[in-house]
Amino acid sequence: MHALTVLYGGSLAPQAFAPVLNGRSAFSLALERAGIFPGSEKTILLAGENEIPALPDLENGITVVRKDRWTLLDLLGVLSKRGTGYDFVYYAWADAPFLDGDLAGRIAARHVRFAAEYSYADGWPYGLGPELINAAAAGILCKIAGEAGQGPVRRDSLFGVIQGDINSFDIETEISPVDLRYLRLSLTADSRRNLLLLERFVRSGSGGPGIDAAGVERIIAEHPEYLRTLPAFFPIQAAGPCPPGGGTGACPLCPYPRFRGALGKGGDFLDPGDFDKILGKIENFAGDGVISLSLWGEIALHPRREDLIRTVLDRSTLSLLIESSGLGWSIAVLEQIARWAQDAPPRLNGLPPLSWIVSLNQADLPRLPQAAGLPQAAGPGESEAAALVKRLVSLFPREPGGEDRVYAEAVRTAGEEDGIEGFYRAWKAWGASNHGPGIIIQKYDYFCGLLPQKQTVDLSPVERRPCWHIMRDFPVLIDGTVPVCREDMEGRMGGVSGLGNLLREDPQTIWERGTERYRLHCGKTYQDLCAVCDEYYTYNF
């Protein structure tokens, strides 16, 4: 078995070079682990022009190939050309300190035995097993990559291209005995939250130099509380009012209008100065994140909405998500925002600087006989929302090989199945020739009994898991109050003061106040609203 190892380090985060174990960084450990993959005869490190520091590891026979900017086609070209003459190429990112040589060997043995073209590990967290690809297969991917080939290298780039013609490739999979995919973990030093996760694993007593796939499974089973690191999603209420007569915020699917007076005491709109202060605290605390406007209310009604949007776009650590009913946006404002987004620096988390979700209400859902065309609206408000989606798709196009930046969303409720199917088919057909939008079929939320239950199907896991939102979300109301979660409309979980106030307190202190509730979830104890909530398995970022 003759193999080449290629490690990608062309766009590593600063955390990749921070100490993780005995003063050694994730980068250093990844080079060491990859160097002993079974059958590997040579290691090539793909680096940026100035990103990789001078480390002793680079003197140990590792070939460094540098480019100012790596595209997917550049990567595939290296795998194809440099991999020629080898049985296959091991491929992994150079910020994964727990790469498992034994797991790599099992993948390789299966790859060779079944003459596969591409092989990978499935069921484990990302960062434990490398991908394996033949040079010839990499050459084919160069030809079929399309516009994605001009885009940046992403962690799922290889499989993403293969998926486009998956039946044309011989693929083998080494499957984990314990399926951990639902945890969406990445054991890579690419953010503060993931670096913290790595450090916790190392300190667990099961870590250290010998940590492997089995050790990771054991740590997760014994210490599920480790997985709550730092929040990644920050839904912020910037506006109090909802648009009159239209949008999800004013429809029977939302309890907010009933509780508007009780949610925060900061007036109708978030002050831009307070917003800037909140963002600064989030940056210093989490390092990166997705800011969502607006948790409640319609952001289009904010008199200084452009100031808020520009404040986020100017910060490369934060991505912005605007959730809107689709009402109240002028073309001039949208064009200005699009220019700002185009000029915004790349985000540290790899997401687009700005994404949109337009929540279309029930009147926007076409019946099945109309499903071949663009959804026909029932009135001026709904027509404006549908038109906004089309306008946004043209102003915020998808990057080559990247994610959608605009999403049309509808809530799936009992009695509206035909409408939802028509909604999906219509926007899918329109998007096929217009490169979008993405389509979100939102699960119905009955807000722990505040609304009648209209859910069509039960999608919850067979065994209940700790809440994603308590694990990853940090909601903020207009006055700075941080509720336990979005579901707590009446302050029944954290009281009227919630977990704290971000304008007056340190976010770390506020975040730690939610730790005990998450620990209870890990022990399958669910208090107050958590006992009747069915949103625990839904996921944002």
Protein backbone atom coordinates (compact mmCIF):
# COMPACT_ATOMS: atom_id res chain seq x y z
CA MET A 1 0.00 0.00 0.00
CA HIS A 2 1.63 3.23 -1.21
CA ALA A 3 -0.12 6.43 -0.17
CA LEU A 4 0.39 10.17 -0.22
CA THR A 5 -0.92 12.42 2.57
CA VAL A 6 -2.17 15.92 1.74
CA LEU A 7 -3.08 18.30 4.56
CA TYR A 8 -4.96 21.50 3.80
CA GLY A 9 -3.80 24.53 5.75
CA GLY A 10 -4.60 27.29 3.30
CA SER A 11 -7.23 29.03 5.44
CA LEU A 12 -6.69 28.10 9.07
CA ALA A 13 -8.05 30.08 11.99
CA PRO A 14 -5.70 31.54 14.62
CA GLN A 15 -6.94 28.88 17.04
CA ALA A 16 -5.13 26.25 14.97
CA PHE A 17 -1.84 27.54 16.35
CA ALA A 18 -2.96 27.93 19.98
CA PRO A 19 -1.70 25.43 22.61
CA VAL A 20 -3.97 22.41 23.05
CA LEU A 21 -1.77 19.72 24.62
CA ASN A 22 1.50 20.20 26.51
CA GLY A 23 2.12 23.47 24.72
CA ARG A 24 1.55 21.96 21.28
CA SER A 25 -1.00 23.33 18.86
CA ALA A 26 -3.71 21.52 16.91
CA PHE A 27 -1.69 22.25 13.77
CA SER A 28 1.43 20.59 15.19
CA LEU A 29 -0.53 17.57 16.40
CA ALA A 30 -2.32 17.20 13.08
CA LEU A 31 1.00 17.08 11.22
CA GLU A 32 2.26 14.42 13.62
CA ARG A 33 -0.87 12.29 13.41
CA ALA A 34 -1.11 12.47 9.62
CA GLY A 35 2.54 11.57 9.29
CA ILE A 36 1.91 8.08 10.59
CA PHE A 37 -1.12 7.15 8.50
CA PRO A 38 -0.61 3.52 7.35
CA GLY A 39 1.26 3.30 4.07
CA SER A 40 1.87 7.05 3.82
CA GLU A 41 5.22 7.74 2.19
CA LYS A 42 5.09 11.51 1.93
CA THR A 43 3.17 14.45 3.41
CA ILE A 44 2.32 17.62 1.52
CA LEU A 45 1.02 20.69 3.37
CA LEU A 46 -1.03 23.17 1.35
CA ALA A 47 -0.53 26.58 2.95
CA GLY A 48 -1.32 30.23 2.45
CA GLU A 49 1.48 32.65 1.71
CA ASN A 50 1.86 33.88 5.27
CA GLU A 51 -0.40 31.75 7.48
CA ILE A 52 1.86 28.93 8.61
CA PRO A 53 4.37 29.87 11.32
CA ALA A 54 7.87 28.43 11.50
CA LEU A 55 7.52 25.18 13.41
CA PRO A 56 9.91 22.25 13.89
CA ASP A 57 7.30 19.97 12.32
CA LEU A 58 7.92 21.50 8.92
CA GLU A 59 11.53 20.33 8.98
CA ASN A 60 10.57 16.65 9.15
CA GLY A 61 10.35 15.91 5.44
CA ILE A 62 7.06 17.74 4.89
CA THR A 63 6.69 19.45 1.53
CA VAL A 64 4.96 22.83 1.77
CA VAL A 65 3.06 24.18 -1.25
CA ARG A 66 2.00 27.80 -0.87
CA LYS A 67 -0.62 29.89 -2.67
CA ASP A 68 -2.07 33.23 -1.79
CA ARG A 69 -5.60 31.92 -2.39
CA TRP A 70 -6.58 28.29 -2.77
CA THR A 71 -9.63 27.37 -4.83
CA LEU A 72 -11.26 23.96 -4.99
CA LEU A 73 -9.78 23.45 -8.46
CA ASP A 74 -6.32 24.17 -7.07
CA LEU A 75 -6.82 21.51 -4.42
CA LEU A 76 -8.15 18.94 -6.88
CA GLY A 77 -5.22 19.65 -9.16
CA VAL A 78 -2.75 18.85 -6.37
CA LEU A 79 -4.60 15.66 -5.43
CA SER A 80 -4.65 14.57 -9.07
CA LYS A 81 -1.10 15.45 -10.12
CA ARG A 82 0.78 14.76 -6.90
CA GLY A 83 -1.26 11.62 -6.25
CA THR A 84 -0.31 10.01 -9.54
CA GLY A 85 1.74 6.89 -8.90
CA TYR A 86 0.25 6.28 -5.45
CA ASP A 87 -2.55 3.85 -4.62
CA PHE A 88 -4.53 6.70 -3.11
CA VAL A 89 -4.23 10.03 -1.30
CA TYR A 90 -5.11 10.66 2.35
CA TYR A 91 -6.70 14.10 2.66
CA ALA A 92 -7.49 16.06 5.83
CA TRP A 93 -7.37 19.57 7.27
CA ALA A 94 -4.29 20.63 9.22
CA ASP A 95 -6.23 21.81 12.30
CA ALA A 96 -7.53 18.36 13.38
CA PRO A 97 -5.36 17.24 16.34
CA PHE A 98 -7.23 13.96 16.94
CA LEU A 99 -6.73 12.37 13.51
CA ASP A 100 -6.81 8.64 14.22
CA GLY A 101 -4.19 6.49 12.48
CA ASP A 102 -6.02 3.24 13.25
CA LEU A 103 -9.24 4.62 11.78
CA ALA A 104 -7.29 5.82 8.74
CA GLY A 105 -5.90 2.32 8.35
CA ARG A 106 -9.35 0.74 8.44
CA ILE A 107 -10.61 3.16 5.82
CA ALA A 108 -7.55 2.45 3.67
CA ALA A 109 -7.93 -1.33 3.94
CA ARG A 110 -11.56 -1.10 2.83
CA HIS A 111 -10.63 1.36 0.07
CA VAL A 112 -8.00 -0.99 -1.38
CA ARG A 113 -9.99 -4.17 -0.85
CA PHE A 114 -13.00 -2.92 -2.80
CA ALA A 115 -11.04 -0.86 -5.34
CA ALA A 116 -12.85 2.31 -4.30
CA GLU A 117 -12.26 5.72 -5.84
CA TYR A 118 -13.30 7.69 -2.76
CA SER A 119 -13.67 6.59 0.87
CA TYR A 120 -14.48 8.30 4.15
CA ALA A 121 -15.51 7.72 7.75
CA ASP A 122 -19.18 8.23 8.61
CA GLY A 123 -20.88 8.57 11.98
CA TRP A 124 -17.92 10.07 13.87
CA PRO A 125 -17.41 13.79 14.53
CA TYR A 126 -15.51 15.56 11.78
CA GLY A 127 -11.74 15.59 12.30
CA LEU A 128 -11.09 11.98 13.31
CA GLY A 129 -10.74 10.24 9.96
CA PRO A 130 -9.23 11.44 6.68
CA GLU A 131 -10.87 11.24 3.29
CA LEU A 132 -9.25 8.94 0.72
CA ILE A 133 -9.31 9.63 -3.00
CA ASN A 134 -7.58 8.20 -6.05
CA ALA A 135 -5.62 10.52 -8.32
CA ALA A 136 -7.79 9.58 -11.30
CA ALA A 137 -10.98 10.36 -9.39
CA ALA A 138 -9.57 13.75 -8.36
CA GLY A 139 -8.87 14.44 -12.03
CA ILE A 140 -12.48 13.66 -12.91
CA LEU A 141 -13.68 16.01 -10.16
CA CYS A 142 -11.59 18.77 -11.74
CA LYS A 143 -13.70 18.40 -14.88
CA ILE A 144 -17.11 18.25 -13.22
CA ALA A 145 -16.61 20.77 -10.39
CA GLY A 146 -18.28 23.54 -12.39
CA GLU A 147 -18.61 26.93 -10.71
CA ALA A 148 -17.84 25.35 -7.34
CA GLY A 149 -14.29 24.84 -8.58
CA GLN A 150 -13.66 28.59 -8.49
CA GLY A 151 -14.89 28.85 -4.92
CA PRO A 152 -12.88 28.46 -1.73
CA VAL A 153 -11.90 25.12 -0.24
CA ARG A 154 -14.48 23.97 2.30
CA ARG A 155 -14.42 21.02 4.65
CA ASP A 156 -17.03 19.18 2.59
CA SER A 157 -15.66 20.24 -0.81
CA LEU A 158 -14.68 16.79 -2.12
CA PHE A 159 -17.91 15.06 -1.20
CA GLY A 160 -19.89 18.09 -2.33
CA VAL A 161 -18.62 17.71 -5.89
CA ILE A 162 -19.01 13.92 -5.83
CA GLN A 163 -22.64 14.30 -4.76
CA GLY A 164 -23.39 16.00 -8.05
CA ASP A 165 -22.78 12.69 -9.87
CA ILE A 166 -22.56 10.25 -6.99
CA ASN A 167 -23.56 7.14 -8.93
CA SER A 168 -20.52 7.51 -11.18
CA PHE A 169 -18.03 6.87 -8.36
CA ASP A 170 -17.13 3.77 -6.40
CA ILE A 171 -17.44 4.91 -2.79
CA GLU A 172 -16.71 3.04 0.43
CA THR A 173 -17.60 4.08 3.97
CA GLU A 174 -16.16 3.08 7.34
CA ILE A 175 -19.16 3.40 9.66
CA SER A 176 -18.95 4.27 13.34
CA PRO A 177 -20.46 1.76 15.80
CA VAL A 178 -22.11 4.77 17.48
CA ASP A 179 -23.80 7.29 15.18
CA LEU A 180 -22.74 10.73 16.43
CA ARG A 181 -23.69 12.72 13.33
CA TYR A 182 -26.63 14.36 15.07
CA LEU A 183 -24.23 16.20 17.37
CA ARG A 184 -22.75 18.14 14.42
CA LEU A 185 -19.35 18.23 16.10
CA SER A 186 -16.13 19.30 14.45
CA LEU A 187 -12.98 18.31 16.33
CA THR A 188 -10.96 21.04 14.67
CA ALA A 189 -9.33 24.21 15.99
CA ASP A 190 -11.25 26.55 13.70
CA SER A 191 -13.08 28.68 16.30
CA ARG A 192 -13.03 29.49 19.99
CA ARG A 193 -15.91 27.12 20.68
CA ASN A 194 -14.22 24.19 18.95
CA LEU A 195 -10.86 24.97 20.58
CA LEU A 196 -12.63 24.92 23.94
CA LEU A 197 -14.16 21.54 23.05
CA LEU A 198 -10.71 20.14 22.18
CA GLU A 199 -9.30 21.43 25.47
CA ARG A 200 -12.11 19.79 27.42
CA PHE A 201 -11.48 16.48 25.72
CA VAL A 202 -7.78 16.71 26.53
CA ARG A 203 -8.50 17.54 30.18
CA SER A 204 -11.04 14.78 30.56
CA GLY A 205 -8.46 12.17 31.57
CA SER A 206 -9.27 10.17 28.46
CA GLY A 207 -7.42 12.61 26.23
CA GLY A 208 -3.76 13.24 25.75
CA PRO A 209 -1.57 12.01 22.94
CA GLY A 210 -3.45 8.72 22.65
CA ILE A 211 -6.94 10.14 22.09
CA ASP A 212 -8.69 8.33 19.24
CA ALA A 213 -12.13 7.67 17.81
CA ALA A 214 -13.06 5.25 20.59
CA GLY A 215 -11.86 7.75 23.17
CA VAL A 216 -14.02 10.47 21.66
CA GLU A 217 -17.08 8.20 21.79
CA ARG A 218 -16.36 7.46 25.44
CA ILE A 219 -15.88 11.10 26.41
CA ILE A 220 -19.11 12.17 24.74
CA ALA A 221 -21.03 9.40 26.53
CA GLU A 222 -19.49 10.22 29.93
CA HIS A 223 -19.47 14.01 29.64
CA PRO A 224 -22.24 15.27 27.36
CA GLU A 225 -22.06 18.60 29.19
CA TYR A 226 -18.73 19.25 27.44
CA LEU A 227 -20.60 19.92 24.21
CA ARG A 228 -22.08 23.21 25.46
CA THR A 229 -19.09 25.41 24.73
CA LEU A 230 -19.87 28.91 23.44
CA PRO A 231 -23.01 30.17 21.70
CA ALA A 232 -22.98 30.36 17.91
CA PHE A 233 -26.38 31.95 17.18
CA PHE A 234 -27.43 35.35 18.53
CA PRO A 235 -31.03 36.26 17.63
CA ILE A 236 -31.45 39.92 18.62
CA GLN A 237 -34.71 41.82 18.82
CA ALA A 238 -34.13 45.16 17.15
CA ALA A 239 -37.74 46.12 16.47
CA GLY A 240 -40.92 45.86 18.49
CA PRO A 241 -43.68 46.48 15.93
CA CYS A 242 -44.90 43.94 13.39
CA PRO A 243 -46.05 44.97 9.90
CA PRO A 244 -49.82 45.55 9.79
CA GLY A 245 -51.74 42.89 7.96
CA GLY A 246 -48.95 40.73 6.67
CA GLY A 247 -46.03 38.45 7.41
CA THR A 248 -45.65 35.54 9.77
CA GLY A 249 -45.21 37.93 12.72
CA ALA A 250 -48.82 39.10 12.46
CA CYS A 251 -50.43 35.77 11.70
CA PRO A 252 -51.96 33.04 13.90
CA LEU A 253 -48.64 31.15 13.84
CA CYS A 254 -46.95 33.57 16.25
CA PRO A 255 -47.84 34.46 19.87
CA TYR A 256 -45.56 37.51 19.96
CA PRO A 257 -48.25 40.22 19.50
CA ARG A 258 -49.93 39.05 22.71
CA PHE A 259 -46.72 39.40 24.71
CA ARG A 260 -45.10 42.39 23.06
CA GLY A 261 -45.64 44.62 26.09
CA ALA A 262 -44.04 42.08 28.42
CA LEU A 263 -40.96 41.34 26.32
CA GLY A 264 -38.38 43.95 27.23
CA LYS A 265 -38.85 47.54 28.30
CA GLY A 266 -36.51 49.20 25.86
CA GLY A 267 -39.09 50.93 23.65
CA ASP A 268 -40.03 50.09 20.10
CA PHE A 269 -36.54 49.99 18.60
CA LEU A 270 -33.05 48.99 19.65
CA ASP A 271 -30.69 51.96 19.85
CA PRO A 272 -27.80 51.62 17.33
CA GLY A 273 -25.32 52.56 20.06
CA ASP A 274 -26.63 49.79 22.31
CA PHE A 275 -26.51 47.40 19.34
CA ASP A 276 -22.85 48.22 18.72
CA LYS A 277 -22.12 47.64 22.40
CA ILE A 278 -23.88 44.26 22.26
CA LEU A 279 -21.92 43.21 19.18
CA GLY A 280 -18.64 44.16 20.80
CA LYS A 281 -19.42 41.99 23.80
CA ILE A 282 -20.40 39.08 21.57
CA GLU A 283 -17.15 39.35 19.61
CA ASN A 284 -15.01 39.45 22.73
CA PHE A 285 -16.89 36.52 24.23
CA ALA A 286 -17.53 34.04 21.41
CA GLY A 287 -15.02 35.17 18.81
CA ASP A 288 -17.51 34.69 15.99
CA GLY A 289 -21.18 34.00 15.48
CA VAL A 290 -24.35 34.55 13.46
CA ILE A 291 -26.37 37.65 14.35
CA SER A 292 -30.05 37.38 13.50
CA LEU A 293 -32.28 40.45 13.09
CA SER A 294 -34.95 40.48 14.41
CA LEU A 295 -35.81 37.99 17.15
CA TRP A 296 -39.29 39.53 17.32
CA GLY A 297 -40.86 42.36 15.33
CA GLU A 298 -40.06 43.47 11.79
CA ILE A 299 -36.56 44.82 11.22
CA ALA A 300 -37.71 46.68 8.08
CA LEU A 301 -39.68 49.03 10.34
CA HIS A 302 -36.59 50.13 12.30
CA PRO A 303 -35.90 53.80 11.37
CA ARG A 304 -32.13 53.13 11.38
CA ARG A 305 -32.11 49.61 10.02
CA GLU A 306 -29.26 50.40 7.60
CA ASP A 307 -27.06 51.50 10.50
CA LEU A 308 -27.65 48.21 12.29
CA ILE A 309 -26.92 46.17 9.17
CA ARG A 310 -23.75 48.12 8.36
CA THR A 311 -22.52 47.70 11.93
CA VAL A 312 -22.57 43.90 11.56
CA LEU A 313 -21.15 43.83 8.04
CA ASP A 314 -18.14 45.86 9.15
CA ARG A 315 -17.17 43.09 11.60
CA SER A 316 -15.49 40.12 9.92
CA THR A 317 -16.12 37.94 12.98
CA LEU A 318 -19.90 38.10 12.60
CA SER A 319 -22.30 36.91 9.90
CA LEU A 320 -25.70 38.55 9.58
CA LEU A 321 -29.05 36.86 9.06
CA ILE A 322 -32.06 39.08 8.38
CA GLU A 323 -35.40 37.42 9.06
CA SER A 324 -38.23 39.43 7.58
CA SER A 325 -41.88 39.25 6.63
CA GLY A 326 -40.84 40.71 3.29
CA LEU A 327 -42.73 43.96 3.80
CA GLY A 328 -41.38 47.50 3.98
CA TRP A 329 -38.13 47.22 1.99
CA SER A 330 -37.38 49.75 -0.76
CA ILE A 331 -35.29 48.89 -3.80
CA ALA A 332 -32.83 51.70 -3.04
CA VAL A 333 -32.21 50.41 0.48
CA LEU A 334 -31.75 46.84 -0.74
CA GLU A 335 -29.29 47.91 -3.41
CA GLN A 336 -27.26 49.85 -0.85
CA ILE A 337 -27.20 46.87 1.51
CA ALA A 338 -26.13 44.62 -1.37
CA ARG A 339 -23.16 46.90 -2.10
CA TRP A 340 -22.11 46.80 1.54
CA ALA A 341 -22.38 43.02 1.60
CA GLN A 342 -20.36 42.74 -1.60
CA ASP A 343 -17.57 44.85 -0.08
CA ALA A 344 -17.69 43.14 3.32
CA PRO A 345 -14.61 41.14 4.33
CA PRO A 346 -14.84 37.32 4.39
CA ARG A 347 -16.33 35.95 7.58
CA LEU A 348 -14.20 33.94 9.99
CA ASN A 349 -16.88 31.24 10.15
CA GLY A 350 -16.91 30.77 6.37
CA LEU A 351 -20.57 31.82 6.05
CA PRO A 352 -21.76 34.62 3.74
CA PRO A 353 -21.59 38.10 5.31
CA LEU A 354 -25.35 38.48 4.90
CA SER A 355 -28.20 36.01 4.38
CA TRP A 356 -31.96 36.54 4.21
CA ILE A 357 -34.98 34.51 5.27
CA VAL A 358 -38.32 35.80 4.05
CA SER A 359 -41.18 34.25 6.01
CA LEU A 360 -44.14 33.96 3.68
CA ASN A 361 -47.52 33.57 5.36
CA GLN A 362 -50.37 31.21 4.61
CA ALA A 363 -51.83 33.33 1.82
CA ASP A 364 -48.58 32.95 -0.12
CA LEU A 365 -48.90 29.16 -0.39
CA PRO A 366 -50.08 28.16 -3.88
CA ARG A 367 -52.52 25.33 -4.32
CA LEU A 368 -51.32 22.32 -6.29
CA PRO A 369 -52.96 23.32 -9.61
CA GLN A 370 -50.83 26.50 -9.58
CA ALA A 371 -47.64 24.72 -8.57
CA ALA A 372 -45.95 24.96 -11.96
CA GLY A 373 -45.35 28.70 -11.74
CA LEU A 374 -44.28 31.37 -9.28
CA PRO A 375 -46.51 31.47 -6.20
CA GLN A 376 -49.48 33.71 -6.78
CA ALA A 377 -50.20 36.00 -3.84
CA ALA A 378 -53.59 36.65 -2.36
CA GLY A 379 -53.11 40.37 -1.74
CA PRO A 380 -50.76 43.35 -1.91
CA GLY A 381 -48.85 42.43 1.23
CA GLU A 382 -48.19 38.86 0.17
CA SER A 383 -47.31 39.97 -3.37
CA GLU A 384 -44.73 42.37 -1.94
CA ALA A 385 -43.15 39.55 0.09
CA ALA A 386 -42.92 37.19 -2.89
CA ALA A 387 -41.50 39.97 -5.04
CA LEU A 388 -38.89 40.69 -2.38
CA VAL A 389 -37.61 37.12 -2.58
CA LYS A 390 -37.05 37.49 -6.34
CA ARG A 391 -35.35 40.86 -5.88
CA LEU A 392 -33.07 39.51 -3.16
CA VAL A 393 -32.00 36.54 -5.29
CA SER A 394 -30.72 38.94 -7.95
CA LEU A 395 -29.00 41.22 -5.43
CA PHE A 396 -27.46 38.50 -3.25
CA PRO A 397 -26.46 35.67 -5.60
CA ARG A 398 -24.97 32.43 -4.34
CA GLU A 399 -21.17 32.34 -4.36
CA PRO A 400 -19.53 29.66 -6.56
CA GLY A 401 -19.72 26.44 -4.61
CA GLY A 402 -21.21 28.31 -1.66
CA GLU A 403 -24.48 28.39 0.20
CA ASP A 404 -27.69 30.17 -0.72
CA ARG A 405 -27.94 33.70 0.60
CA VAL A 406 -31.70 34.02 0.24
CA TYR A 407 -34.34 31.63 1.55
CA ALA A 408 -38.09 31.53 1.11
CA GLU A 409 -39.69 30.07 4.23
CA ALA A 410 -43.12 28.67 4.98
CA VAL A 411 -44.47 26.97 8.09
CA ARG A 412 -45.87 23.47 7.68
CA THR A 413 -49.16 23.17 9.53
CA ALA A 414 -52.03 20.71 9.66
CA GLY A 415 -54.50 21.30 6.85
CA GLU A 416 -51.97 23.07 4.61
CA GLU A 417 -50.14 20.11 3.08
CA ASP A 418 -51.24 20.95 -0.46
CA GLY A 419 -50.14 24.53 0.01
CA ILE A 420 -46.74 23.51 1.32
CA GLU A 421 -46.17 21.08 -1.54
CA GLY A 422 -47.17 23.72 -4.04
CA PHE A 423 -44.94 26.27 -2.33
CA TYR A 424 -41.97 23.94 -2.58
CA ARG A 425 -42.58 22.93 -6.20
CA ALA A 426 -43.22 26.48 -7.35
CA TRP A 427 -40.15 28.04 -5.82
CA LYS A 428 -38.03 25.05 -6.84
CA ALA A 429 -39.13 25.45 -10.44
CA TRP A 430 -38.54 29.20 -10.41
CA GLY A 431 -35.19 28.80 -8.69
CA ALA A 432 -33.93 26.25 -11.22
CA SER A 433 -33.54 29.00 -13.80
CA ASN A 434 -32.73 31.81 -11.37
CA HIS A 435 -30.16 30.16 -9.07
CA GLY A 436 -32.28 30.24 -5.96
CA PRO A 437 -33.73 30.87 -3.50
CA GLY A 438 -33.13 28.20 -0.90
CA ILE A 439 -36.35 26.77 0.48
CA ILE A 440 -37.09 26.30 4.17
CA ILE A 441 -40.12 24.29 5.30
CA GLN A 442 -40.32 25.38 8.91
CA LYS A 443 -41.59 23.08 11.64
CA TYR A 444 -44.68 24.43 13.37
CA ASP A 445 -43.96 25.78 16.86
CA TYR A 446 -46.80 25.78 19.35
CA PHE A 447 -44.68 27.66 21.91
CA CYS A 448 -45.14 25.21 24.74
CA GLY A 449 -48.93 25.46 24.67
CA LEU A 450 -49.39 29.18 23.93
CA LEU A 451 -50.74 28.21 20.50
CA PRO A 452 -52.92 25.26 19.51
CA GLN A 453 -50.94 22.26 18.33
CA LYS A 454 -51.06 22.17 14.51
CA GLN A 455 -48.00 20.04 13.83
CA THR A 456 -48.57 17.64 10.96
CA VAL A 457 -46.03 14.95 11.83
CA ASP A 458 -43.86 14.15 14.84
CA LEU A 459 -40.23 14.53 13.76
CA SER A 460 -38.73 14.28 17.22
CA PRO A 461 -35.99 11.72 17.94
CA VAL A 462 -37.01 8.40 19.49
CA GLU A 463 -34.87 9.27 22.50
CA ARG A 464 -34.97 12.86 23.74
CA ARG A 465 -31.69 14.78 23.63
CA PRO A 466 -30.46 17.96 25.32
CA CYS A 467 -31.87 21.12 23.75
CA TRP A 468 -29.97 22.56 20.79
CA HIS A 469 -31.11 26.07 21.66
CA ILE A 470 -29.86 26.00 25.24
CA MET A 471 -26.65 24.56 23.84
CA ARG A 472 -26.06 27.07 21.01
CA ASP A 473 -28.38 30.11 21.20
CA PHE A 474 -28.03 33.45 22.98
CA PRO A 475 -31.22 35.49 22.40
CA VAL A 476 -31.31 39.20 23.30
CA LEU A 477 -34.39 41.45 23.67
CA ILE A 478 -34.56 45.19 22.92
CA ASP A 479 -33.64 46.20 26.46
CA GLY A 480 -30.71 43.77 26.61
CA THR A 481 -32.54 41.05 28.53
CA VAL A 482 -31.33 37.54 27.70
CA PRO A 483 -34.20 35.02 28.06
CA VAL A 484 -33.43 31.33 28.53
CA CYS A 485 -34.65 30.75 24.99
CA ARG A 486 -37.10 32.05 22.40
CA GLU A 487 -39.91 29.92 23.80
CA ASP A 488 -39.94 31.77 27.13
CA MET A 489 -42.54 34.36 26.17
CA GLU A 490 -43.83 34.82 29.73
CA GLY A 491 -40.60 34.72 31.70
CA ARG A 492 -41.61 31.41 33.28
CA MET A 493 -38.13 29.91 33.00
CA GLY A 494 -35.71 32.68 33.87
CA GLY A 495 -38.11 35.16 35.42
CA VAL A 496 -38.76 38.61 33.99
CA SER A 497 -35.02 39.32 34.08
CA GLY A 498 -34.17 36.13 32.17
CA LEU A 499 -30.56 34.98 32.52
CA GLY A 500 -29.30 38.55 32.76
CA ASN A 501 -28.89 41.74 30.77
CA LEU A 502 -26.22 41.98 28.10
CA LEU A 503 -26.09 45.77 28.22
CA ARG A 504 -25.15 45.69 31.89
CA GLU A 505 -23.40 42.34 32.42
CA ASP A 506 -20.62 40.21 31.05
CA PRO A 507 -21.88 37.63 28.48
CA GLN A 508 -19.76 34.86 30.04
CA THR A 509 -21.58 35.34 33.35
CA ILE A 510 -24.96 35.28 31.62
CA TRP A 511 -24.05 32.20 29.58
CA GLU A 512 -22.91 30.27 32.65
CA ARG A 513 -26.32 30.79 34.26
CA GLY A 514 -27.75 28.45 31.64
CA THR A 515 -25.23 25.70 32.35
CA GLU A 516 -27.22 23.97 35.08
CA ARG A 517 -30.33 23.70 32.92
CA TYR A 518 -28.24 22.06 30.19
CA ARG A 519 -26.72 19.66 32.73
CA LEU A 520 -30.24 18.69 33.77
CA HIS A 521 -31.08 17.99 30.14
CA CYS A 522 -28.02 15.77 29.88
CA GLY A 523 -29.41 13.85 32.86
CA LYS A 524 -32.86 13.70 31.19
CA THR A 525 -34.48 16.07 33.66
CA TYR A 526 -36.66 18.75 32.09
CA GLN A 527 -38.06 21.59 34.14
CA ASP A 528 -41.04 23.92 33.57
CA LEU A 529 -41.41 24.76 29.85
CA CYS A 530 -38.69 22.33 28.82
CA ALA A 531 -40.96 19.47 29.90
CA VAL A 532 -43.55 20.32 27.22
CA CYS A 533 -41.31 21.88 24.56
CA ASP A 534 -40.94 20.21 21.16
CA GLU A 535 -38.35 22.62 19.73
CA TYR A 536 -35.36 21.00 21.42
CA TYR A 537 -34.27 19.10 18.30
CA THR A 538 -34.52 22.01 15.83
CA TYR A 539 -31.25 23.59 14.80
CA ASN A 540 -30.09 27.04 13.68
CA PHE A 541 -26.29 27.34 13.56
